[in-house]
C-alpha atoms as a PDB file:
ATOM      1  CA  MET A   1       9.760 -80.303 -46.845  1.00  0.00           C
ATOM      2  CA  ILE A   2      12.245 -78.246 -47.531  1.00  0.00           C
ATOM      3  CA  ASP A   3       9.767 -75.254 -48.513  1.00  0.00           C
ATOM      4  CA  LEU A   4       8.188 -75.691 -44.684  1.00  0.00           C
ATOM      5  CA  LEU A   5      12.053 -75.780 -43.283  1.00  0.00           C
ATOM      6  CA  GLN A   6      12.963 -72.672 -44.914  1.00  0.00           C
ATOM      7  CA  ARG A   7       9.496 -71.250 -43.761  1.00  0.00           C
ATOM      8  CA  THR A   8      10.324 -72.333 -40.558  1.00  0.00           C
ATOM      9  CA  ARG A   9      13.803 -70.705 -40.345  1.00  0.00           C
ATOM     10  CA  ALA A  10      12.185 -67.447 -41.687  1.00  0.00           C
ATOM     11  CA  ARG A  11       9.754 -67.314 -38.758  1.00  0.00           C
ATOM     12  CA  VAL A  12      12.420 -68.139 -35.997  1.00  0.00           C
ATOM     13  CA  ALA A  13      14.971 -65.430 -37.778  1.00  0.00           C
ATOM     14  CA  ARG A  14      11.878 -63.255 -37.656  1.00  0.00           C
ATOM     15  CA  ARG A  15      11.179 -63.537 -34.035  1.00  0.00           C
ATOM     16  CA  ALA A  16      14.860 -63.828 -33.230  1.00  0.00           C
ATOM     17  CA  GLN A  17      15.152 -60.226 -34.690  1.00  0.00           C
ATOM     18  CA  ALA A  18      12.258 -58.834 -33.015  1.00  0.00           C
ATOM     19  CA  ALA A  19      13.302 -60.112 -29.903  1.00  0.00           C
ATOM     20  CA  ALA A  20      16.663 -58.453 -30.418  1.00  0.00           C
ATOM     21  CA  HIS A  21      14.876 -55.212 -31.600  1.00  0.00           C
ATOM     22  CA  LEU A  22      12.749 -55.422 -28.044  1.00  0.00           C
ATOM     23  CA  ALA A  23      15.756 -55.861 -25.802  1.00  0.00           C
ATOM     24  CA  ARG A  24      17.078 -52.404 -27.433  1.00  0.00           C
ATOM     25  CA  ASP A  25      14.502 -50.875 -27.324  1.00  0.00           C
ATOM     26  CA  VAL A  26      15.032 -48.870 -23.999  1.00  0.00           C
ATOM     27  CA  SER A  27      11.855 -46.574 -23.966  1.00  0.00           C
ATOM     28  CA  ALA A  28       9.435 -48.809 -21.944  1.00  0.00           C
ATOM     29  CA  VAL A  29      12.230 -49.017 -19.316  1.00  0.00           C
ATOM     30  CA  VAL A  30      12.101 -45.287 -19.284  1.00  0.00           C
ATOM     31  CA  MET A  31       8.639 -45.124 -19.423  1.00  0.00           C
ATOM     32  CA  ILE A  32       8.340 -48.115 -15.718  1.00  0.00           C
ATOM     33  CA  GLU A  33      10.624 -45.589 -13.888  1.00  0.00           C
ATOM     34  CA  VAL A  34       9.425 -42.151 -14.719  1.00  0.00           C
ATOM     35  CA  ALA A  35       6.383 -44.169 -12.978  1.00  0.00           C
ATOM     36  CA  PHE A  36       8.427 -45.205  -9.961  1.00  0.00           C
ATOM     37  CA  CYS A  37      10.264 -41.708  -9.850  1.00  0.00           C
ATOM     38  CA  VAL A  38       7.085 -39.497 -10.337  1.00  0.00           C
ATOM     39  CA  PRO A  39       5.194 -40.128  -6.903  1.00  0.00           C
ATOM     40  CA  ILE A  40       8.538 -39.546  -4.960  1.00  0.00           C
ATOM     41  CA  LEU A  41       9.670 -35.926  -6.769  1.00  0.00           C
ATOM     42  CA  ALA A  42       5.940 -35.222  -6.134  1.00  0.00           C
ATOM     43  CA  MET A  43       6.406 -36.008  -2.098  1.00  0.00           C
ATOM     44  CA  ILE A  44      10.031 -34.164  -2.189  1.00  0.00           C
ATOM     45  CA  GLY A  45       8.286 -31.245  -3.994  1.00  0.00           C
ATOM     46  CA  PHE A  46       5.323 -30.683  -1.873  1.00  0.00           C
ATOM     47  CA  GLY A  47       7.425 -31.267   0.830  1.00  0.00           C
ATOM     48  CA  GLY A  48       9.299 -28.385   0.387  1.00  0.00           C
ATOM     49  CA  ILE A  49       6.418 -26.140  -0.496  1.00  0.00           C
ATOM     50  CA  GLU A  50       5.125 -27.402   3.681  1.00  0.00           C
ATOM     51  CA  TYR A  51       8.470 -26.448   4.883  1.00  0.00           C
ATOM     52  CA  ALA A  52       8.594 -22.941   3.247  1.00  0.00           C
ATOM     53  CA  ASN A  53       4.756 -22.376   4.294  1.00  0.00           C
ATOM     54  CA  LEU A  54       5.797 -23.392   7.466  1.00  0.00           C
ATOM     55  CA  LEU A  55       8.579 -21.325   7.986  1.00  0.00           C
ATOM     56  CA  LEU A  56       6.663 -18.334   6.603  1.00  0.00           C
ATOM     57  CA  THR A  57       3.919 -18.964   8.717  1.00  0.00           C
ATOM     58  CA  GLY A  58       6.499 -19.043  11.974  1.00  0.00           C
ATOM     59  CA  THR A  59       7.811 -15.384  10.767  1.00  0.00           C
ATOM     60  CA  ARG A  60       4.516 -14.106  10.271  1.00  0.00           C
ATOM     61  CA  VAL A  61       3.638 -15.104  14.003  1.00  0.00           C
ATOM     62  CA  ASN A  62       6.402 -13.471  15.522  1.00  0.00           C
ATOM     63  CA  GLN A  63       5.969 -10.360  13.526  1.00  0.00           C
ATOM     64  CA  ILE A  64       2.237 -10.157  15.007  1.00  0.00           C
ATOM     65  CA  GLY A  65       4.111 -10.552  18.398  1.00  0.00           C
ATOM     66  CA  LEU A  66       5.957  -7.617  17.895  1.00  0.00           C
ATOM     67  CA  GLY A  67       3.986  -5.575  16.099  1.00  0.00           C
ATOM     68  CA  ALA A  68       1.039  -6.261  18.858  1.00  0.00           C
ATOM     69  CA  ALA A  69       3.914  -5.066  21.793  1.00  0.00           C
ATOM     70  CA  ASP A  70       5.184  -2.059  19.800  1.00  0.00           C
ATOM     71  CA  ASN A  71       1.562  -1.305  19.554  1.00  0.00           C
ATOM     72  CA  ALA A  72       0.320  -1.463  22.559  1.00  0.00           C
ATOM     73  CA  ALA A  73       3.109   0.160  23.996  1.00  0.00           C
ATOM     74  CA  ARG A  74       2.549   3.435  22.049  1.00  0.00           C
ATOM     75  CA  ILE A  75      -0.859   3.848  22.795  1.00  0.00           C
ATOM     76  CA  ALA A  76      -0.748   7.602  25.046  1.00  0.00           C
ATOM     77  CA  PHE A  77      -4.826   8.501  24.759  1.00  0.00           C
ATOM     78  CA  GLY A  78      -5.051  12.206  26.108  1.00  0.00           C
ATOM     79  CA  SER A  79      -4.246  15.871  26.353  1.00  0.00           C
ATOM     80  CA  ASN A  80      -0.858  17.841  27.707  1.00  0.00           C
ATOM     81  CA  LEU A  81      -2.837  18.622  30.590  1.00  0.00           C
ATOM     82  CA  ALA A  82      -2.851  15.084  31.697  1.00  0.00           C
ATOM     83  CA  GLN A  83      -1.094  11.690  31.785  1.00  0.00           C
ATOM     84  CA  PRO A  84      -2.021   9.435  28.849  1.00  0.00           C
ATOM     85  CA  SER A  85      -3.961   6.563  29.449  1.00  0.00           C
ATOM     86  CA  VAL A  86      -5.012   3.229  27.906  1.00  0.00           C
ATOM     87  CA  ARG A  87      -8.903   2.968  26.720  1.00  0.00           C
ATOM     88  CA  GLU A  88     -10.344  -0.326  25.859  1.00  0.00           C
ATOM     89  CA  VAL A  89     -10.745   0.812  22.200  1.00  0.00           C
ATOM     90  CA  ASP A  90      -7.252   1.538  22.063  1.00  0.00           C
ATOM     91  CA  ILE A  91      -6.953  -2.141  23.022  1.00  0.00           C
ATOM     92  CA  ASN A  92      -9.188  -3.742  20.628  1.00  0.00           C
ATOM     93  CA  GLU A  93      -7.625  -1.412  17.902  1.00  0.00           C
ATOM     94  CA  VAL A  94      -4.221  -3.454  18.572  1.00  0.00           C
ATOM     95  CA  PHE A  95      -6.007  -6.484  18.072  1.00  0.00           C
ATOM     96  CA  ALA A  96      -7.493  -5.190  14.810  1.00  0.00           C
ATOM     97  CA  GLY A  97      -3.820  -4.454  13.611  1.00  0.00           C
ATOM     98  CA  VAL A  98      -3.396  -8.410  14.657  1.00  0.00           C
ATOM     99  CA  GLU A  99      -6.288  -9.729  12.256  1.00  0.00           C
ATOM    100  CA  GLU A 100      -4.613  -7.256   9.569  1.00  0.00           C
ATOM    101  CA  GLN A 101      -1.524  -8.481   9.940  1.00  0.00           C
ATOM    102  CA  ALA A 102      -2.882 -12.024  10.213  1.00  0.00           C
ATOM    103  CA  LYS A 103      -4.761 -11.776   7.034  1.00  0.00           C
ATOM    104  CA  GLY A 104      -4.939 -15.464   5.173  1.00  0.00           C
ATOM    105  CA  MET A 105      -4.140 -17.453   8.284  1.00  0.00           C
ATOM    106  CA  ASN A 106      -7.893 -17.664   9.673  1.00  0.00           C
ATOM    107  CA  PHE A 107      -6.209 -16.671  12.656  1.00  0.00           C
ATOM    108  CA  LYS A 108      -9.305 -15.505  15.093  1.00  0.00           C
ATOM    109  CA  ALA A 109     -10.166 -19.081  14.576  1.00  0.00           C
ATOM    110  CA  ASN A 110      -6.790 -20.576  15.410  1.00  0.00           C
ATOM    111  CA  GLY A 111      -4.706 -18.605  17.252  1.00  0.00           C
ATOM    112  CA  ARG A 112      -4.964 -16.491  20.678  1.00  0.00           C
ATOM    113  CA  VAL A 113      -2.982 -12.811  21.371  1.00  0.00           C
ATOM    114  CA  ILE A 114      -2.608 -12.121  24.907  1.00  0.00           C
ATOM    115  CA  LEU A 115      -1.626  -8.510  26.067  1.00  0.00           C
ATOM    116  CA  SER A 116      -0.810  -8.099  29.772  1.00  0.00           C
ATOM    117  CA  SER A 117       0.212  -4.782  31.188  1.00  0.00           C
ATOM    118  CA  VAL A 118       3.385  -6.004  33.518  1.00  0.00           C
ATOM    119  CA  GLU A 119       4.127  -3.581  36.256  1.00  0.00           C
ATOM    120  CA  ARG A 120       5.751  -2.751  40.091  1.00  0.00           C
ATOM    121  CA  ASN A 121       3.366  -3.914  42.556  1.00  0.00           C
ATOM    122  CA  PRO A 122       3.439  -2.220  45.738  1.00  0.00           C
ATOM    123  CA  ASP A 123       5.706  -4.586  47.540  1.00  0.00           C
ATOM    124  CA  GLY A 124       7.987  -3.887  44.928  1.00  0.00           C
ATOM    125  CA  GLY A 125       7.428  -7.296  42.930  1.00  0.00           C
ATOM    126  CA  GLN A 126       6.199  -7.880  39.540  1.00  0.00           C
ATOM    127  CA  TRP A 127       2.607  -8.043  38.644  1.00  0.00           C
ATOM    128  CA  ILE A 128       0.141  -8.518  35.758  1.00  0.00           C
ATOM    129  CA  HIS A 129      -2.072  -5.663  36.340  1.00  0.00           C
ATOM    130  CA  TRP A 130      -4.798  -5.966  33.496  1.00  0.00           C
ATOM    131  CA  GLN A 131      -5.313  -8.821  30.530  1.00  0.00           C
ATOM    132  CA  ARG A 132      -6.691  -8.823  27.260  1.00  0.00           C
ATOM    133  CA  CYS A 133      -7.300 -11.333  24.584  1.00  0.00           C
ATOM    134  CA  TYR A 134      -7.883 -11.737  20.960  1.00  0.00           C
ATOM    135  CA  GLY A 135      -8.657 -14.763  19.104  1.00  0.00           C
ATOM    136  CA  ASP A 136     -10.949 -18.147  19.830  1.00  0.00           C
ATOM    137  CA  LEU A 137      -8.027 -20.637  20.702  1.00  0.00           C
ATOM    138  CA  PRO A 138      -8.785 -21.745  24.148  1.00  0.00           C
ATOM    139  CA  VAL A 139      -4.810 -20.896  25.730  1.00  0.00           C
ATOM    140  CA  ALA A 140      -4.002 -19.299  28.940  1.00  0.00           C
ATOM    141  CA  SER A 141      -1.162 -17.262  29.666  1.00  0.00           C
ATOM    142  CA  ALA A 142       2.232 -18.897  30.635  1.00  0.00           C
ATOM    143  CA  TYR A 143       2.553 -16.326  33.024  1.00  0.00           C
ATOM    144  CA  GLY A 144      -0.797 -16.338  34.754  1.00  0.00           C
ATOM    145  CA  PRO A 145      -4.122 -14.678  34.565  1.00  0.00           C
ATOM    146  CA  GLN A 146      -4.974 -11.067  35.007  1.00  0.00           C
ATOM    147  CA  GLY A 147      -3.799  -9.967  39.076  1.00  0.00           C
ATOM    148  CA  THR A 148      -1.115 -12.659  39.151  1.00  0.00           C
ATOM    149  CA  GLY A 149       1.679 -11.360  41.990  1.00  0.00           C
ATOM    150  CA  ALA A 150      -0.780  -8.276  42.820  1.00  0.00           C
ATOM    151  CA  THR A 151       1.186  -8.504  46.786  1.00  0.00           C
ATOM    152  CA  GLY A 152       4.392  -9.459  47.690  1.00  0.00           C
ATOM    153  CA  THR A 153       7.854 -10.548  45.561  1.00  0.00           C
ATOM    154  CA  GLY A 154       6.861 -14.007  44.514  1.00  0.00           C
ATOM    155  CA  PHE A 155       6.018 -13.532  41.086  1.00  0.00           C
ATOM    156  CA  ALA A 156       8.961 -14.496  38.917  1.00  0.00           C
ATOM    157  CA  GLY A 157       7.894 -11.891  36.381  1.00  0.00           C
ATOM    158  CA  ILE A 158       8.977 -12.401  32.721  1.00  0.00           C
ATOM    159  CA  GLY A 159      12.852 -11.791  32.617  1.00  0.00           C
ATOM    160  CA  VAL A 160      12.554  -8.089  32.339  1.00  0.00           C
ATOM    161  CA  ASN A 161      11.112  -6.025  35.202  1.00  0.00           C
ATOM    162  CA  ALA A 162       9.376  -2.689  34.932  1.00  0.00           C
ATOM    163  CA  SER A 163      10.482   0.252  37.455  1.00  0.00           C
ATOM    164  CA  ALA A 164       8.121   2.270  39.511  1.00  0.00           C
ATOM    165  CA  GLY A 165       5.453   4.183  37.000  1.00  0.00           C
ATOM    166  CA  THR A 166       6.670   2.256  33.891  1.00  0.00           C
ATOM    167  CA  ALA A 167       4.764  -1.021  32.363  1.00  0.00           C
ATOM    168  CA  ILE A 168       6.196  -3.662  30.006  1.00  0.00           C
ATOM    169  CA  MET A 169       3.509  -4.771  27.362  1.00  0.00           C
ATOM    170  CA  LEU A 170       3.850  -8.065  27.103  1.00  0.00           C
ATOM    171  CA  VAL A 171       2.221 -10.312  24.031  1.00  0.00           C
ATOM    172  CA  GLU A 172       2.261 -13.913  23.953  1.00  0.00           C
ATOM    173  CA  VAL A 173       0.965 -15.278  20.664  1.00  0.00           C
ATOM    174  CA  THR A 174      -0.565 -18.804  20.425  1.00  0.00           C
ATOM    175  CA  TYR A 175      -1.161 -20.172  16.821  1.00  0.00           C
ATOM    176  CA  ASP A 176      -2.380 -23.707  15.837  1.00  0.00           C
ATOM    177  CA  TYR A 177      -0.325 -24.198  12.177  1.00  0.00           C
ATOM    178  CA  LYS A 178      -2.766 -26.052   9.899  1.00  0.00           C
ATOM    179  CA  SER A 179      -1.056 -28.194   7.336  1.00  0.00           C
ATOM    180  CA  LEU A 180      -0.851 -27.206   3.457  1.00  0.00           C
ATOM    181  CA  VAL A 181      -0.409 -30.722   1.873  1.00  0.00           C
ATOM    182  CA  TRP A 182      -0.040 -33.160   4.569  1.00  0.00           C
ATOM    183  CA  GLY A 183      -3.094 -32.156   6.512  1.00  0.00           C
ATOM    184  CA  LYS A 184      -4.298 -35.854   6.620  1.00  0.00           C
ATOM    185  CA  TRP A 185      -1.096 -37.105   8.174  1.00  0.00           C
ATOM    186  CA  PHE A 186       0.630 -34.634  10.339  1.00  0.00           C
ATOM    187  CA  GLN A 187      -0.875 -33.269  13.462  1.00  0.00           C
ATOM    188  CA  THR A 188      -1.198 -29.511  13.812  1.00  0.00           C
ATOM    189  CA  LYS A 189       1.940 -27.451  14.938  1.00  0.00           C
ATOM    190  CA  ARG A 190       1.168 -24.994  17.556  1.00  0.00           C
ATOM    191  CA  MET A 191       3.262 -22.351  17.436  1.00  0.00           C
ATOM    192  CA  ARG A 192       4.440 -19.768  20.276  1.00  0.00           C
ATOM    193  CA  GLU A 193       5.964 -16.486  20.396  1.00  0.00           C
ATOM    194  CA  THR A 194       6.548 -13.872  22.884  1.00  0.00           C
ATOM    195  CA  ALA A 195       7.484 -10.126  22.400  1.00  0.00           C
ATOM    196  CA  ALA A 196       7.862  -7.294  25.539  1.00  0.00           C
ATOM    197  CA  PHE A 197       7.973  -3.788  25.010  1.00  0.00           C
ATOM    198  CA  LEU A 198       8.113  -0.964  27.862  1.00  0.00           C
ATOM    199  CA  ILE A 199       5.771   1.894  27.621  1.00  0.00           C
ATOM    200  CA  ARG A 200       7.113   4.640  25.470  1.00  0.00           C
ATOM    201  CA  GLU A 201       6.164   7.120  27.593  1.00  0.00           C
ATOM    202  CA  GLY A 202       4.274   7.760  31.185  1.00  0.00           C
ATOM    203  CA  ARG A 203       0.826   6.968  31.731  1.00  0.00           C
ATOM    204  CA  ASN A 204      -2.112   6.887  33.997  1.00  0.00           C
ATOM    205  CA  LEU A 205      -1.505   3.446  35.396  1.00  0.00           C
ATOM    206  CA  GLN A 206      -4.547   2.866  37.830  1.00  0.00           C
ATOM    207  CA  GLY A 207      -7.489   3.595  35.607  1.00  0.00           C
ATOM    208  CA  GLU A 208     -10.684   2.867  36.236  1.00  0.00           C
ATOM    209  CA  ASN A 209     -11.284   1.694  39.739  1.00  0.00           C
ATOM    210  CA  ASN A 210      -7.643   0.690  39.688  1.00  0.00           C
ATOM    211  CA  THR A 211      -8.051  -1.453  36.850  1.00  0.00           C
ATOM    212  CA  GLY A 212      -5.149   0.204  34.507  1.00  0.00           C
ATOM    213  CA  ILE A 213      -7.658   0.908  31.827  1.00  0.00           C
ATOM    214  CA  PHE A 214     -10.297   3.506  30.841  1.00  0.00           C
ATOM    215  CA  ASN A 215     -13.295   2.945  29.242  1.00  0.00           C
ATOM    216  CA  PRO A 216     -15.337   6.518  28.039  1.00  0.00           C
ATOM    217  CA  ALA A 217     -18.375   6.848  26.341  1.00  0.00           C
ATOM    218  CA  PRO A 218     -19.345   5.588  24.027  1.00  0.00           C
ATOM    219  CA  ALA A 219     -18.089   2.435  25.922  1.00  0.00           C
ATOM    220  CA  ALA A 220     -16.070  -0.531  24.033  1.00  0.00           C
ATOM    221  CA  THR A 221     -16.685  -3.996  24.671  1.00  0.00           C
ATOM    222  CA  PRO A 222     -13.896  -4.970  26.896  1.00  0.00           C
ATOM    223  CA  SER A 223     -11.530  -7.664  24.675  1.00  0.00           C
ATOM    224  CA  LEU A 224     -11.608 -10.135  28.333  1.00  0.00           C
ATOM    225  CA  CYS A 225      -9.659 -13.467  28.608  1.00  0.00           C
ATOM    226  CA  THR A 226     -12.600 -15.477  29.030  1.00  0.00           C
END
């Protein structure tokens, strides 16, 4: 009887000791805390990556607009014996520069650049003499299509007026940003940027058949806004 009692006490003591040891062991608690925290930390980390990529893409879209408008303003094909002119091939080269700047963005499928020549019409108002586009995103110019404001002074313009004999190269860039990490949960964000540059020197603004653009042989395919 005494042996049984001693064994029982020893068993109880061992169990109490084991329970006390378990109570002092915090490794299991740490593992549980880590299991709860890791997903949250991962979400915060991926969110930071997404936000940084969003800012970088916005900066690139802005630079695409500035670069395209600047390059279009510098077009000056011709000789010293005649006013410089704009050719369809020159415009296509501006758009080739856009694609070069937008490497890695899949810009042609998800974006559009609209290049407009804003000039002064015969009535003293502003008008869009010609307009060319690059990219498959189906968006239209916020200022209207080619020919807007051809007569009268009803066209509000773009905030900056072209004087007689000059033109403003207006570039509108639209790009649908695809989420890098959260694409399945967040909607596509549409980015828009606008840039305008005054042409660097005088041009032949009439073009062929008053289109404002020349297309000598070998003719280039116009980048129409269709």
